[in-house]
Amino acid sequence: MDISDLLALKPEDLAATILERRRFLAQALPDIEARMSDDADELAPLVEKLRLARDAESNKVAELKNSRNQSQQEARQLLQQTRALREQLDEKDGLKSLDPKWAKEKLEEALEEIEEKIEKQALALKDERKLLAERKKLLQKNEEWLEKRRKDNPEMSEYVDSSRKMQKLFKHADKLHQEMLTHVEKNEPIHDEFLEKRAELRISIRQVERSRSLIKQSESAIAFWESHLDGGLDELLKNARNVEKGGGSSIRRRNAELPISTEKDGGEEE
């Protein structure tokens, strides 16, 4: 129905059409509300199940991270200690008989470089795993070196012991880190699905609330139009007939607080 058809309708016919529409909605809305309620009832336990699964994985990640951080902190302290011991041996020429590769492959510097990347850079999971693999290889390579140097250089006993403790802590921290990354990877699709289903649940709940609100509005609207069709539309047409007779409109202008210009050159409303 276009605007001309709408304007051609008699008030009684228009009111009857509105009433018919309201009755149709009143019949359809309960079914819509029921479907939306069923959807919400079905989604709610699924969302809760996903939330619990996500939180369980998140808690496991937090536990592993705390344990890893503790091992890393102790390892870093030993890292500084072994570096200080090596520098002391350097000053005393205690490393004179060592493999010349030592100067090129100083364990402390390499470990510090890897540790700094892990701590300070935002890395993808595969990049973190790559760094952990590099550290594992470095620590394994150094183990055999330490054993041989301890036998050949008794003065290195404290350095070797400290370095081994450090290696053990780093290995333990890396194992925890790998396990943590596994849980992080496992938790990503769970978290994504949780967010998706939670959004669907919120939409369903809003639709249920909207349907219930419309049901109430329809009940009031039906009663309103039935009473006016039975009792006549004179009260509703009062303002319209007043305008037809030249009276002012009861509709408030958006800028009603501004006066209407009375100037002949600019007689339009401000």
Protein backbone atom coordinates (compact mmCIF):
# COMPACT_ATOMS: atom_id res chain seq x y z
CA MET A 1 0.00 0.00 0.00
CA ASP A 2 1.50 3.34 -1.11
CA ILE A 3 0.94 6.73 0.54
CA SER A 4 -1.97 7.69 -1.72
CA ASP A 5 -3.81 4.46 -0.92
CA LEU A 6 -3.14 4.99 2.74
CA LEU A 7 -4.49 8.56 2.68
CA ALA A 8 -7.59 7.37 0.80
CA LEU A 9 -8.55 5.03 3.59
CA LYS A 10 -11.36 6.05 5.90
CA PRO A 11 -10.33 6.37 9.55
CA GLU A 12 -12.52 3.41 10.46
CA ASP A 13 -10.91 1.23 7.76
CA LEU A 14 -7.43 2.27 8.85
CA ALA A 15 -8.23 1.50 12.47
CA ALA A 16 -9.64 -1.88 11.48
CA THR A 17 -6.48 -2.65 9.50
CA ILE A 18 -4.30 -1.72 12.46
CA LEU A 19 -6.41 -3.90 14.74
CA GLU A 20 -6.17 -6.82 12.32
CA ARG A 21 -2.38 -6.44 12.24
CA ARG A 22 -2.21 -6.35 16.02
CA ARG A 23 -4.33 -9.49 16.30
CA PHE A 24 -2.08 -11.26 13.80
CA LEU A 25 0.99 -10.32 15.82
CA ALA A 26 -0.70 -11.40 19.05
CA GLN A 27 -1.20 -14.84 17.52
CA ALA A 28 2.27 -15.15 16.01
CA LEU A 29 4.39 -13.72 18.81
CA PRO A 30 3.87 -16.52 21.38
CA ASP A 31 5.25 -19.07 18.91
CA ILE A 32 8.20 -16.81 18.14
CA GLU A 33 8.82 -16.29 21.85
CA ALA A 34 8.64 -20.05 22.45
CA ARG A 35 11.19 -20.77 19.70
CA MET A 36 13.55 -18.15 21.01
CA SER A 37 13.18 -19.53 24.54
CA ASP A 38 13.96 -23.03 23.27
CA ASP A 39 17.07 -21.72 21.51
CA ALA A 40 18.20 -19.93 24.67
CA ASP A 41 17.52 -23.01 26.81
CA GLU A 42 19.56 -25.12 24.40
CA LEU A 43 22.45 -22.66 24.18
CA ALA A 44 22.76 -21.85 27.89
CA PRO A 45 24.20 -25.22 29.05
CA LEU A 46 26.48 -25.37 26.01
CA VAL A 47 27.86 -21.90 26.78
CA GLU A 48 28.40 -22.89 30.42
CA LYS A 49 30.15 -26.11 29.39
CA LEU A 50 32.46 -24.19 27.05
CA ARG A 51 33.15 -21.59 29.74
CA LEU A 52 34.14 -24.26 32.25
CA ALA A 53 36.36 -26.00 29.69
CA ARG A 54 38.00 -22.72 28.71
CA ASP A 55 38.54 -21.68 32.32
CA ALA A 56 40.01 -25.09 33.18
CA GLU A 57 42.56 -24.73 30.38
CA SER A 58 43.25 -21.12 31.35
CA ASN A 59 43.82 -22.13 34.98
CA LYS A 60 46.19 -24.88 33.86
CA VAL A 61 48.09 -22.38 31.72
CA ALA A 62 48.32 -20.00 34.70
CA GLU A 63 49.63 -22.78 36.98
CA LEU A 64 52.24 -23.86 34.44
CA LYS A 65 53.24 -20.26 33.83
CA ASN A 66 53.80 -19.65 37.55
CA SER A 67 55.92 -22.79 37.88
CA ARG A 68 57.85 -21.93 34.72
CA ASN A 69 58.47 -18.38 35.94
CA GLN A 70 59.81 -19.67 39.24
CA SER A 71 62.22 -22.04 37.52
CA GLN A 72 63.28 -19.34 35.06
CA GLN A 73 63.87 -16.85 37.85
CA GLU A 74 66.14 -19.27 39.70
CA ALA A 75 67.88 -20.16 36.44
CA ARG A 76 68.48 -16.49 35.63
CA GLN A 77 70.09 -15.96 39.03
CA LEU A 78 72.41 -18.90 38.38
CA LEU A 79 73.04 -17.56 34.89
CA GLN A 80 74.42 -14.37 36.39
CA GLN A 81 76.40 -16.39 38.91
CA THR A 82 78.02 -18.61 36.28
CA ARG A 83 78.87 -15.58 34.21
CA ALA A 84 80.56 -13.94 37.20
CA LEU A 85 82.48 -17.16 37.94
CA ARG A 86 83.65 -17.42 34.33
CA GLU A 87 84.83 -13.82 34.39
CA GLN A 88 86.79 -14.58 37.57
CA LEU A 89 88.39 -17.58 35.90
CA ASP A 90 89.19 -15.42 32.87
CA GLU A 91 91.00 -12.93 35.10
CA LYS A 92 92.97 -15.70 36.82
CA ASP A 93 93.79 -17.41 33.51
CA GLY A 94 91.81 -20.38 34.77
CA LEU A 95 90.43 -20.94 31.29
CA LYS A 96 93.79 -20.87 29.53
CA SER A 97 93.74 -24.57 28.67
CA LEU A 98 90.14 -24.62 27.50
CA ASP A 99 88.83 -25.19 24.00
CA PRO A 100 89.28 -21.94 22.02
CA LYS A 101 85.69 -22.31 20.81
CA TRP A 102 84.67 -21.13 24.28
CA ALA A 103 85.22 -17.52 23.28
CA LYS A 104 82.85 -17.95 20.33
CA GLU A 105 80.19 -20.01 22.06
CA LYS A 106 79.74 -18.51 25.51
CA LEU A 107 76.72 -20.24 26.98
CA GLU A 108 75.65 -17.33 29.16
CA GLU A 109 75.38 -14.82 26.33
CA ALA A 110 73.47 -17.23 24.11
CA LEU A 111 71.03 -18.13 26.87
CA GLU A 112 70.49 -14.48 27.79
CA GLU A 113 69.73 -13.65 24.16
CA ILE A 114 67.13 -16.42 23.93
CA GLU A 115 65.64 -15.50 27.30
CA GLU A 116 65.28 -11.86 26.28
CA LYS A 117 63.43 -12.82 23.09
CA ILE A 118 61.03 -15.08 24.99
CA GLU A 119 60.35 -12.49 27.68
CA LYS A 120 60.14 -9.26 25.71
CA GLN A 121 58.93 -10.12 22.20
CA ALA A 122 55.37 -10.96 21.23
CA LEU A 123 55.99 -14.29 19.53
CA ALA A 124 53.74 -16.75 17.78
CA LEU A 125 53.49 -20.22 19.32
CA LYS A 126 55.70 -21.78 16.63
CA ASP A 127 58.37 -19.10 17.20
CA GLU A 128 58.36 -19.73 20.95
CA ARG A 129 58.76 -23.46 20.32
CA LYS A 130 61.66 -22.74 17.95
CA LEU A 131 63.48 -20.72 20.62
CA LEU A 132 62.88 -23.41 23.24
CA ALA A 133 64.31 -25.99 20.84
CA GLU A 134 67.39 -23.80 20.31
CA ARG A 135 67.91 -23.49 24.05
CA LYS A 136 67.48 -27.24 24.54
CA LYS A 137 70.10 -27.95 21.87
CA LEU A 138 72.46 -25.42 23.39
CA LEU A 139 72.11 -26.87 26.89
CA GLN A 140 72.62 -30.44 25.66
CA LYS A 141 75.73 -29.44 23.73
CA ASN A 142 77.17 -27.72 26.79
CA GLU A 143 76.62 -30.70 29.12
CA GLU A 144 79.35 -32.83 27.58
CA TRP A 145 81.67 -29.83 27.41
CA LEU A 146 81.23 -29.18 31.14
CA GLU A 147 81.99 -32.76 32.14
CA LYS A 148 85.28 -32.80 30.24
CA ARG A 149 86.36 -29.38 31.51
CA ARG A 150 85.66 -30.31 35.12
CA LYS A 151 88.01 -33.27 34.91
CA ASP A 152 90.73 -31.24 33.20
CA ASN A 153 90.30 -28.09 35.35
CA PRO A 154 89.52 -28.78 39.04
CA GLU A 155 89.35 -25.03 39.68
CA MET A 156 86.21 -24.98 37.55
CA SER A 157 84.27 -27.18 39.97
CA GLU A 158 82.09 -24.37 41.32
CA TYR A 159 81.46 -23.01 37.85
CA VAL A 160 80.45 -26.41 36.49
CA ASP A 161 78.13 -27.13 39.44
CA SER A 162 76.45 -23.76 39.10
CA SER A 163 76.12 -24.15 35.35
CA ARG A 164 74.58 -27.60 35.69
CA LYS A 165 72.02 -26.39 38.21
CA MET A 166 71.17 -23.58 35.83
CA GLN A 167 70.81 -25.99 32.94
CA LYS A 168 68.54 -28.26 34.96
CA LEU A 169 66.30 -25.33 35.87
CA PHE A 170 66.15 -24.05 32.29
CA LYS A 171 65.27 -27.53 31.03
CA HIS A 172 62.52 -27.82 33.62
CA ALA A 173 61.23 -24.33 32.75
CA ASP A 174 61.26 -25.17 29.03
CA LYS A 175 59.35 -28.40 29.66
CA LEU A 176 56.72 -26.43 31.55
CA HIS A 177 56.70 -23.80 28.80
CA GLN A 178 56.11 -26.44 26.12
CA GLU A 179 53.27 -27.92 28.14
CA MET A 180 51.83 -24.44 28.65
CA LEU A 181 51.94 -23.74 24.91
CA THR A 182 50.11 -27.01 24.26
CA HIS A 183 47.28 -25.94 26.58
CA VAL A 184 47.22 -22.45 25.04
CA GLU A 185 46.90 -23.98 21.58
CA LYS A 186 44.19 -26.37 22.78
CA ASN A 187 42.29 -23.54 24.44
CA GLU A 188 42.12 -21.21 21.43
CA PRO A 189 39.30 -23.02 19.54
CA ILE A 190 37.43 -23.58 22.82
CA HIS A 191 37.60 -19.87 23.60
CA ASP A 192 36.53 -18.91 20.07
CA GLU A 193 33.54 -21.28 20.20
CA PHE A 194 32.62 -19.96 23.64
CA LEU A 195 32.56 -16.38 22.36
CA GLU A 196 30.50 -17.42 19.32
CA LYS A 197 27.89 -19.36 21.31
CA ARG A 198 27.72 -16.71 24.02
CA ALA A 199 26.94 -14.09 21.38
CA GLU A 200 24.20 -16.35 19.98
CA LEU A 201 22.77 -16.85 23.46
CA ARG A 202 22.68 -13.11 24.12
CA ILE A 203 20.86 -12.54 20.84
CA SER A 204 18.32 -15.25 21.71
CA ILE A 205 17.74 -13.76 25.15
CA ARG A 206 17.22 -10.29 23.68
CA GLN A 207 14.77 -11.72 21.16
CA VAL A 208 12.85 -13.48 23.93
CA GLU A 209 12.64 -10.26 25.91
CA ARG A 210 11.61 -8.33 22.80
CA SER A 211 8.92 -10.90 21.96
CA ARG A 212 7.51 -10.77 25.47
CA SER A 213 7.48 -6.98 25.36
CA LEU A 214 5.66 -7.00 22.02
CA ILE A 215 3.11 -9.50 23.34
CA LYS A 216 2.26 -7.11 26.16
CA GLN A 217 2.13 -4.18 23.75
CA SER A 218 -0.15 -6.13 21.41
CA GLU A 219 -2.57 -6.91 24.21
CA SER A 220 -2.79 -3.22 25.12
CA ALA A 221 -3.02 -2.15 21.47
CA ILE A 222 -5.83 -4.61 20.71
CA ALA A 223 -7.83 -3.40 23.70
CA PHE A 224 -7.19 0.21 22.65
CA TRP A 225 -8.35 -0.18 19.03
CA GLU A 226 -11.28 -2.43 19.90
CA SER A 227 -12.59 0.12 22.37
CA HIS A 228 -12.27 3.00 19.89
CA LEU A 229 -13.85 1.08 17.03
CA ASP A 230 -16.76 0.16 19.30
CA GLY A 231 -17.09 3.63 20.80
CA GLY A 232 -16.20 5.71 17.76
CA LEU A 233 -13.07 7.55 16.64
CA ASP A 234 -14.21 11.06 17.50
CA GLU A 235 -11.67 11.51 20.28
CA LEU A 236 -8.79 10.32 18.08
CA LEU A 237 -9.88 12.57 15.19
CA LYS A 238 -10.37 15.61 17.36
CA ASN A 239 -7.00 17.21 16.57
CA ALA A 240 -7.18 16.31 12.86
CA ARG A 241 -10.56 18.00 12.50
CA ASN A 242 -9.25 21.03 14.36
CA VAL A 243 -6.46 21.37 11.76
CA GLU A 244 -9.00 20.99 8.95
CA LYS A 245 -10.86 23.97 10.39
CA GLY A 246 -7.66 26.05 10.38
CA GLY A 247 -6.53 25.37 13.92
CA GLY A 248 -2.98 24.72 15.00
CA SER A 249 -1.42 21.30 14.86
CA SER A 250 -0.84 19.43 18.09
CA ILE A 251 2.38 17.94 16.69
CA ARG A 252 5.41 19.61 18.25
CA ARG A 253 7.94 20.97 15.81
CA ARG A 254 11.55 19.87 16.36
CA ASN A 255 12.51 23.51 16.75
CA ALA A 256 9.29 24.51 18.48
CA GLU A 257 11.23 26.64 20.95
CA LEU A 258 12.10 29.01 18.08
CA PRO A 259 9.54 31.63 17.07
CA ILE A 260 8.02 31.55 13.59
CA SER A 261 9.27 34.50 11.59
CA THR A 262 6.65 37.04 10.62
CA GLU A 263 8.92 38.88 8.18
CA LYS A 264 7.57 38.97 4.64
CA ASP A 265 11.02 38.38 3.10
CA GLY A 266 11.67 35.36 5.22
CA GLY A 267 8.35 33.98 6.25
CA GLU A 268 9.65 30.44 6.59
CA GLU A 269 10.08 28.83 9.96
CA GLU A 270 13.50 29.18 11.46
